[in-house]
Amino acid sequence: MEITFELKKEFIDNTSLIQNVRVLYKKRKVVEGKPAVITHDPFEVTIYNLDNKDEDNTSHIIDFESAVEIAIIFPDESIKVFRDE
């Protein structure tokens, strides 16, 4: 998935407003969590992995190259979806 200006802007400008992030990878793997750390250069997003049963591995760095879709969910239940073209 290409890291577009819009995607970066959404994460950087609205970090504190984002309730949840759902990442769909190839082969239908889904990782869901709340943004924990966002770095600008290089752009990287780490989320607290809500579904992981392994307590030693509670964070997840989004692999944008393997991601097919990223949904950003806000507290007002609005959702912004970015898809691989």
Protein backbone atom coordinates (compact mmCIF):
# COMPACT_ATOMS: atom_id res chain seq x y z
CA MET A 1 0.00 0.00 0.00
CA GLU A 2 1.30 3.42 -0.91
CA ILE A 3 1.77 5.87 1.96
CA THR A 4 -0.14 8.85 0.59
CA PHE A 5 -0.07 12.41 1.86
CA GLU A 6 -3.68 12.00 3.02
CA LEU A 7 -2.89 8.87 5.02
CA LYS A 8 0.11 10.50 6.72
CA LYS A 9 -1.88 13.66 7.43
CA GLU A 10 -4.72 11.68 9.01
CA PHE A 11 -2.37 9.88 11.40
CA ILE A 12 -0.19 12.90 12.22
CA ASP A 13 -2.95 15.53 12.60
CA ASN A 14 -5.50 13.35 14.40
CA THR A 15 -3.41 11.01 16.57
CA SER A 16 -5.20 11.91 19.79
CA LEU A 17 -8.62 11.65 18.14
CA ILE A 18 -8.14 8.17 16.66
CA GLN A 19 -10.00 5.54 18.66
CA ASN A 20 -8.89 2.50 16.72
CA VAL A 21 -6.97 1.40 13.62
CA ARG A 22 -7.82 -1.76 11.70
CA VAL A 23 -5.23 -3.05 9.24
CA LEU A 24 -6.12 -5.73 6.71
CA TYR A 25 -3.11 -7.54 5.27
CA LYS A 26 -2.77 -9.89 2.36
CA LYS A 27 -4.08 -13.38 3.17
CA ARG A 28 -6.87 -11.73 5.23
CA LYS A 29 -4.81 -11.21 8.40
CA VAL A 30 -6.34 -8.39 10.49
CA VAL A 31 -4.56 -6.41 13.20
CA GLU A 32 -6.49 -3.90 15.27
CA GLY A 33 -5.35 -1.43 17.89
CA LYS A 34 -4.95 2.09 19.17
CA PRO A 35 -2.10 4.27 17.84
CA ALA A 36 0.84 4.23 20.26
CA VAL A 37 3.79 5.84 18.45
CA ILE A 38 3.88 7.72 15.15
CA THR A 39 7.21 8.79 13.67
CA HIS A 40 7.46 11.28 10.82
CA ASP A 41 10.73 10.41 9.09
CA PRO A 42 10.68 7.62 8.22
CA PHE A 43 6.90 7.45 8.54
CA GLU A 44 6.00 4.60 10.84
CA VAL A 45 2.92 3.80 12.92
CA THR A 46 2.97 1.52 15.95
CA ILE A 47 -0.36 0.42 17.40
CA TYR A 48 -1.23 -1.36 20.62
CA ASN A 49 -2.38 -4.72 19.32
CA LEU A 50 -5.80 -5.32 20.91
CA ASP A 51 -6.29 -8.85 19.58
CA ASN A 52 -2.90 -10.33 20.44
CA LYS A 53 -3.07 -12.99 23.15
CA ASP A 54 0.71 -12.84 23.66
CA GLU A 55 1.23 -10.28 26.43
CA ASP A 56 4.92 -9.88 25.50
CA ASN A 57 3.96 -8.69 22.01
CA THR A 58 1.25 -6.11 22.57
CA SER A 59 2.45 -3.60 19.98
CA HIS A 60 2.46 -3.89 16.20
CA ILE A 61 4.27 -1.78 13.59
CA ILE A 62 2.06 -1.36 10.53
CA ASP A 63 3.68 -2.93 7.48
CA PHE A 64 2.44 -0.58 4.76
CA GLU A 65 3.99 -2.71 1.99
CA SER A 66 1.83 -5.71 2.97
CA ALA A 67 -1.28 -3.79 3.98
CA VAL A 68 -4.28 -3.96 1.67
CA GLU A 69 -6.60 -1.68 3.66
CA ILE A 70 -6.30 0.62 6.68
CA ALA A 71 -9.41 1.84 8.48
CA ILE A 72 -9.08 4.70 10.96
CA ILE A 73 -11.97 4.77 13.42
CA PHE A 74 -12.93 7.87 15.43
CA PRO A 75 -14.96 8.15 18.66
CA ASP A 76 -17.96 9.64 16.79
CA GLU A 77 -18.03 6.31 14.86
CA SER A 78 -16.86 7.91 11.62
CA ILE A 79 -14.40 5.80 9.67
CA LYS A 80 -11.76 6.79 7.10
CA VAL A 81 -10.67 3.92 4.89
CA PHE A 82 -7.50 3.83 2.79
CA ARG A 83 -7.20 0.98 0.25
CA ASP A 84 -4.39 -0.33 -1.87
CA GLU A 85 -4.99 0.65 -5.49
